[in-house]
Amino acid sequence: MTPCGRINKLFGTGGGLRLTLYESFPENFDPDTTPLIVVIDGLEVPLYCEQFDLVGASGASVRFADIDTERRAEELIGKEFSIELEEEEERDEDEFYLEDLIGFDAAILEMGSERTFTGRLIDYIDSEINPLFELEIEDREVLVPAVDEMIGGIDFEARTIKFILPEGLID
C-alpha cells in the first residue's frame, strides 16, 4: 500500500469531496477498477469512485459509491488514502517531496516574540512563484511560504515538522 493523497474538504453537494494528490499518486490510476483505501477505526476500507476528476496538477474531486450525504462524507475529511500498486517505484531513501509532509504535526516558533504554537500541515500549494504550506493552527488556516529558511527540522519517523517563522506571520 502506498499513501497517495489526503481527503481535504467537502466539494459540491451530495457527498462530493476534494482530494490532494501526493507525488506518489499513479499517473495510470483507473477509478473504475481501483479503490482508494482509507483506514477507519483501524480497518482498511476500500472506497470505490463513482466520479473522479483531476483538478490541476495535485488535486481531484471525487464522489464515492455509498457516500451520498454530506454527513457521511464529512467523516472522511482529514483521512489519508492509499492505493495498492502492482509495481512500486523505487525511490532514493533520502529523497522526498514537499507533498510528503502533508499530515505532519507542526511545532511553530515565532521569532521575535518567542511565542510557540502547535498545529498540523494540511496542504501544500505548489506554485513556481510562491509555493506555500497550509497549516491548521488553533482552528484556523494559515499560509506559510514553503522555503528552507522557515523549516527548523523534519522528523520523518515521528511525522513532525518544526517551523521558525518571522514575528507577525501567524497573525
C-alpha atoms as a PDB file:
ATOM      1  CA  MET A   1       0.000   0.000   0.000  1.00  0.00           C
ATOM      2  CA  THR A   2       1.295   3.398  -0.982  1.00  0.00           C
ATOM      3  CA  PRO A   3      -0.030   6.621   0.619  1.00  0.00           C
ATOM      4  CA  CYS A   4      -1.227   8.619  -2.390  1.00  0.00           C
ATOM      5  CA  GLY A   5      -3.211  11.552  -1.035  1.00  0.00           C
ATOM      6  CA  ARG A   6      -5.460  13.135   1.539  1.00  0.00           C
ATOM      7  CA  ILE A   7      -9.178  13.907   1.682  1.00  0.00           C
ATOM      8  CA  ASN A   8      -9.383  17.640   2.370  1.00  0.00           C
ATOM      9  CA  LYS A   9     -12.900  19.036   2.293  1.00  0.00           C
ATOM     10  CA  LEU A  10     -16.443  18.791   1.013  1.00  0.00           C
ATOM     11  CA  PHE A  11     -16.984  19.694  -2.626  1.00  0.00           C
ATOM     12  CA  GLY A  12     -20.392  20.405  -4.081  1.00  0.00           C
ATOM     13  CA  THR A  13     -23.416  18.624  -2.730  1.00  0.00           C
ATOM     14  CA  GLY A  14     -24.407  15.029  -2.224  1.00  0.00           C
ATOM     15  CA  GLY A  15     -21.172  13.793  -0.671  1.00  0.00           C
ATOM     16  CA  GLY A  16     -18.578  15.156  -3.090  1.00  0.00           C
ATOM     17  CA  LEU A  17     -15.059  15.589  -1.722  1.00  0.00           C
ATOM     18  CA  ARG A  18     -11.855  17.381  -2.703  1.00  0.00           C
ATOM     19  CA  LEU A  19      -8.551  15.475  -2.579  1.00  0.00           C
ATOM     20  CA  THR A  20      -4.895  16.474  -2.501  1.00  0.00           C
ATOM     21  CA  LEU A  21      -2.846  14.026  -4.538  1.00  0.00           C
ATOM     22  CA  TYR A  22       0.691  13.216  -3.426  1.00  0.00           C
ATOM     23  CA  GLU A  23       3.569  12.817  -5.855  1.00  0.00           C
ATOM     24  CA  SER A  24       3.173   9.040  -5.387  1.00  0.00           C
ATOM     25  CA  PHE A  25      -0.334   9.107  -6.932  1.00  0.00           C
ATOM     26  CA  PRO A  26      -0.126   6.855 -10.013  1.00  0.00           C
ATOM     27  CA  GLU A  27      -0.470   8.505 -13.416  1.00  0.00           C
ATOM     28  CA  ASN A  28      -2.297   5.438 -14.720  1.00  0.00           C
ATOM     29  CA  PHE A  29      -4.907   5.377 -11.927  1.00  0.00           C
ATOM     30  CA  ASP A  30      -8.155   3.764 -13.127  1.00  0.00           C
ATOM     31  CA  PRO A  31     -11.017   4.988 -10.891  1.00  0.00           C
ATOM     32  CA  ASP A  32     -13.385   2.390 -12.365  1.00  0.00           C
ATOM     33  CA  THR A  33     -11.400  -0.583 -11.072  1.00  0.00           C
ATOM     34  CA  THR A  34      -9.042   0.614  -8.336  1.00  0.00           C
ATOM     35  CA  PRO A  35     -10.376   1.650  -4.911  1.00  0.00           C
ATOM     36  CA  LEU A  36      -8.848   4.253  -2.634  1.00  0.00           C
ATOM     37  CA  ILE A  37      -8.066   2.634   0.725  1.00  0.00           C
ATOM     38  CA  VAL A  38      -8.815   4.618   3.910  1.00  0.00           C
ATOM     39  CA  VAL A  39      -8.167   3.399   7.444  1.00  0.00           C
ATOM     40  CA  ILE A  40     -11.296   3.802   9.582  1.00  0.00           C
ATOM     41  CA  ASP A  41     -11.263   2.548  13.174  1.00  0.00           C
ATOM     42  CA  GLY A  42      -8.123   0.538  12.406  1.00  0.00           C
ATOM     43  CA  LEU A  43      -9.616  -1.224   9.388  1.00  0.00           C
ATOM     44  CA  GLU A  44      -8.663  -0.717   5.752  1.00  0.00           C
ATOM     45  CA  VAL A  45     -11.839   0.319   3.925  1.00  0.00           C
ATOM     46  CA  PRO A  46     -11.921   0.353   0.103  1.00  0.00           C
ATOM     47  CA  LEU A  47     -13.739   3.351  -1.388  1.00  0.00           C
ATOM     48  CA  TYR A  48     -14.826   2.945  -4.999  1.00  0.00           C
ATOM     49  CA  CYS A  49     -15.163   6.071  -7.140  1.00  0.00           C
ATOM     50  CA  GLU A  50     -18.433   6.883  -8.888  1.00  0.00           C
ATOM     51  CA  GLN A  51     -16.868  10.078 -10.222  1.00  0.00           C
ATOM     52  CA  PHE A  52     -13.217  11.125 -10.298  1.00  0.00           C
ATOM     53  CA  ASP A  53     -11.969  14.330 -11.922  1.00  0.00           C
ATOM     54  CA  LEU A  54      -8.418  15.642 -11.787  1.00  0.00           C
ATOM     55  CA  VAL A  55      -8.151  19.300 -10.735  1.00  0.00           C
ATOM     56  CA  GLY A  56      -4.814  20.880 -11.580  1.00  0.00           C
ATOM     57  CA  ALA A  57      -1.545  19.053 -11.044  1.00  0.00           C
ATOM     58  CA  SER A  58      -2.159  17.828  -7.491  1.00  0.00           C
ATOM     59  CA  GLY A  59      -5.885  17.786  -6.836  1.00  0.00           C
ATOM     60  CA  ALA A  60      -9.053  15.887  -7.622  1.00  0.00           C
ATOM     61  CA  SER A  61     -12.763  15.975  -6.934  1.00  0.00           C
ATOM     62  CA  VAL A  62     -14.432  12.666  -6.194  1.00  0.00           C
ATOM     63  CA  ARG A  63     -17.727  11.019  -5.322  1.00  0.00           C
ATOM     64  CA  PHE A  64     -17.584   7.611  -3.697  1.00  0.00           C
ATOM     65  CA  ALA A  65     -20.162   4.849  -4.071  1.00  0.00           C
ATOM     66  CA  ASP A  66     -22.349   4.612  -0.941  1.00  0.00           C
ATOM     67  CA  ILE A  67     -21.221   8.065   0.309  1.00  0.00           C
ATOM     68  CA  ASP A  68     -24.196  10.122  -0.774  1.00  0.00           C
ATOM     69  CA  THR A  69     -24.686  12.671   2.007  1.00  0.00           C
ATOM     70  CA  GLU A  70     -22.537  15.490   3.326  1.00  0.00           C
ATOM     71  CA  ARG A  71     -22.674  13.974   6.812  1.00  0.00           C
ATOM     72  CA  ARG A  72     -21.163  10.672   5.638  1.00  0.00           C
ATOM     73  CA  ALA A  73     -18.577  12.487   3.514  1.00  0.00           C
ATOM     74  CA  GLU A  74     -17.515  14.684   6.467  1.00  0.00           C
ATOM     75  CA  GLU A  75     -16.389  11.542   8.313  1.00  0.00           C
ATOM     76  CA  LEU A  76     -13.672  11.079   5.664  1.00  0.00           C
ATOM     77  CA  ILE A  77     -12.234  14.613   5.842  1.00  0.00           C
ATOM     78  CA  GLY A  78      -8.622  14.631   7.009  1.00  0.00           C
ATOM     79  CA  LYS A  79      -8.026  10.969   6.223  1.00  0.00           C
ATOM     80  CA  GLU A  80      -5.070   9.885   4.150  1.00  0.00           C
ATOM     81  CA  PHE A  81      -5.765   7.341   1.422  1.00  0.00           C
ATOM     82  CA  SER A  82      -3.602   4.679  -0.175  1.00  0.00           C
ATOM     83  CA  ILE A  83      -3.693   2.726  -3.387  1.00  0.00           C
ATOM     84  CA  GLU A  84      -2.416  -0.789  -3.832  1.00  0.00           C
ATOM     85  CA  LEU A  85       0.074  -0.552  -6.671  1.00  0.00           C
ATOM     86  CA  GLU A  86       1.212  -3.567  -8.626  1.00  0.00           C
ATOM     87  CA  GLU A  87       4.690  -2.205  -9.221  1.00  0.00           C
ATOM     88  CA  GLU A  88       6.061   0.191  -6.662  1.00  0.00           C
ATOM     89  CA  GLU A  89       8.517   2.712  -7.989  1.00  0.00           C
ATOM     90  CA  GLU A  90      11.839   2.686  -6.207  1.00  0.00           C
ATOM     91  CA  ARG A  91      12.907   5.973  -4.718  1.00  0.00           C
ATOM     92  CA  ASP A  92      16.098   7.044  -3.008  1.00  0.00           C
ATOM     93  CA  GLU A  93      15.540   6.797   0.769  1.00  0.00           C
ATOM     94  CA  ASP A  94      16.764  10.361   1.304  1.00  0.00           C
ATOM     95  CA  GLU A  95      14.548  11.808  -1.439  1.00  0.00           C
ATOM     96  CA  PHE A  96      11.224  13.348  -0.517  1.00  0.00           C
ATOM     97  CA  TYR A  97       8.736  15.793  -1.933  1.00  0.00           C
ATOM     98  CA  LEU A  98       7.102  18.647  -0.039  1.00  0.00           C
ATOM     99  CA  GLU A  99       3.745  16.898  -0.602  1.00  0.00           C
ATOM    100  CA  ASP A 100       5.121  14.070   1.560  1.00  0.00           C
ATOM    101  CA  LEU A 101       4.917  16.416   4.571  1.00  0.00           C
ATOM    102  CA  ILE A 102       1.112  16.771   4.408  1.00  0.00           C
ATOM    103  CA  GLY A 103      -0.381  15.384   7.593  1.00  0.00           C
ATOM    104  CA  PHE A 104       2.720  16.058   9.717  1.00  0.00           C
ATOM    105  CA  ASP A 105       2.230  17.636  13.140  1.00  0.00           C
ATOM    106  CA  ALA A 106       3.777  21.109  13.248  1.00  0.00           C
ATOM    107  CA  ALA A 107       5.639  22.856  16.065  1.00  0.00           C
ATOM    108  CA  ILE A 108       5.882  26.567  15.319  1.00  0.00           C
ATOM    109  CA  LEU A 109       8.220  29.084  16.932  1.00  0.00           C
ATOM    110  CA  GLU A 110       7.611  32.753  16.188  1.00  0.00           C
ATOM    111  CA  MET A 111      10.924  34.616  16.220  1.00  0.00           C
ATOM    112  CA  GLY A 112      10.995  37.965  17.989  1.00  0.00           C
ATOM    113  CA  SER A 113       8.054  37.252  20.270  1.00  0.00           C
ATOM    114  CA  GLU A 114       9.211  33.693  21.101  1.00  0.00           C
ATOM    115  CA  ARG A 115       5.556  32.548  21.004  1.00  0.00           C
ATOM    116  CA  THR A 116       5.035  28.864  20.242  1.00  0.00           C
ATOM    117  CA  PHE A 117       2.127  27.150  18.543  1.00  0.00           C
ATOM    118  CA  THR A 118       1.198  23.634  17.582  1.00  0.00           C
ATOM    119  CA  GLY A 119      -0.730  22.649  14.533  1.00  0.00           C
ATOM    120  CA  ARG A 120      -0.855  20.391  11.519  1.00  0.00           C
ATOM    121  CA  LEU A 121       0.402  20.748   7.965  1.00  0.00           C
ATOM    122  CA  ILE A 122      -2.809  20.158   5.991  1.00  0.00           C
ATOM    123  CA  ASP A 123      -1.835  21.043   2.431  1.00  0.00           C
ATOM    124  CA  TYR A 124       0.967  22.026   0.091  1.00  0.00           C
ATOM    125  CA  ILE A 125       0.193  24.524  -2.644  1.00  0.00           C
ATOM    126  CA  ASP A 126       2.698  24.032  -5.454  1.00  0.00           C
ATOM    127  CA  SER A 127       3.471  27.248  -7.295  1.00  0.00           C
ATOM    128  CA  GLU A 128       6.616  28.204  -9.192  1.00  0.00           C
ATOM    129  CA  ILE A 129       6.319  31.780  -7.928  1.00  0.00           C
ATOM    130  CA  ASN A 130       5.363  31.207  -4.287  1.00  0.00           C
ATOM    131  CA  PRO A 131       4.945  27.612  -3.000  1.00  0.00           C
ATOM    132  CA  LEU A 132       3.018  27.555   0.279  1.00  0.00           C
ATOM    133  CA  PHE A 133       2.275  25.242   3.173  1.00  0.00           C
ATOM    134  CA  GLU A 134      -1.228  25.418   4.596  1.00  0.00           C
ATOM    135  CA  LEU A 135      -1.138  24.968   8.363  1.00  0.00           C
ATOM    136  CA  GLU A 136      -4.063  24.448  10.703  1.00  0.00           C
ATOM    137  CA  ILE A 137      -3.267  26.364  13.890  1.00  0.00           C
ATOM    138  CA  GLU A 138      -5.831  26.839  16.668  1.00  0.00           C
ATOM    139  CA  ASP A 139      -8.834  26.052  14.402  1.00  0.00           C
ATOM    140  CA  ARG A 140      -7.769  28.424  11.625  1.00  0.00           C
ATOM    141  CA  GLU A 141      -5.815  28.005   8.430  1.00  0.00           C
ATOM    142  CA  VAL A 142      -2.551  29.900   7.924  1.00  0.00           C
ATOM    143  CA  LEU A 143      -0.459  30.026   4.729  1.00  0.00           C
ATOM    144  CA  VAL A 144       3.310  29.876   5.207  1.00  0.00           C
ATOM    145  CA  PRO A 145       5.930  30.170   2.456  1.00  0.00           C
ATOM    146  CA  ALA A 146       7.439  26.740   1.714  1.00  0.00           C
ATOM    147  CA  VAL A 147      11.096  27.799   1.933  1.00  0.00           C
ATOM    148  CA  ASP A 148      14.100  26.228   3.656  1.00  0.00           C
ATOM    149  CA  GLU A 149      14.634  29.297   5.837  1.00  0.00           C
ATOM    150  CA  MET A 150      11.360  28.695   7.710  1.00  0.00           C
ATOM    151  CA  ILE A 151      11.846  24.968   8.316  1.00  0.00           C
ATOM    152  CA  GLY A 152      13.749  24.260  11.520  1.00  0.00           C
ATOM    153  CA  GLY A 153      13.715  20.487  11.194  1.00  0.00           C
ATOM    154  CA  ILE A 154      11.792  17.469   9.951  1.00  0.00           C
ATOM    155  CA  ASP A 155      11.386  14.152  11.779  1.00  0.00           C
ATOM    156  CA  PHE A 156      10.017  11.647   9.270  1.00  0.00           C
ATOM    157  CA  GLU A 157       9.766   8.856  11.810  1.00  0.00           C
ATOM    158  CA  ALA A 158       7.659  10.910  14.239  1.00  0.00           C
ATOM    159  CA  ARG A 159       5.902  12.705  11.329  1.00  0.00           C
ATOM    160  CA  THR A 160       6.657  16.140  12.776  1.00  0.00           C
ATOM    161  CA  ILE A 161       7.990  19.351  11.271  1.00  0.00           C
ATOM    162  CA  LYS A 162       9.367  22.376  13.102  1.00  0.00           C
ATOM    163  CA  PHE A 163       8.816  25.867  11.686  1.00  0.00           C
ATOM    164  CA  ILE A 164      10.697  29.016  12.679  1.00  0.00           C
ATOM    165  CA  LEU A 165       8.573  31.925  11.446  1.00  0.00           C
ATOM    166  CA  PRO A 166       9.074  35.672  11.487  1.00  0.00           C
ATOM    167  CA  GLU A 167       7.085  37.644  14.052  1.00  0.00           C
ATOM    168  CA  GLY A 168       3.576  38.539  12.884  1.00  0.00           C
ATOM    169  CA  LEU A 169       3.259  35.947  10.106  1.00  0.00           C
ATOM    170  CA  ILE A 170       0.699  33.894  12.029  1.00  0.00           C
ATOM    171  CA  ASP A 171      -1.374  36.962  12.910  1.00  0.00           C
END
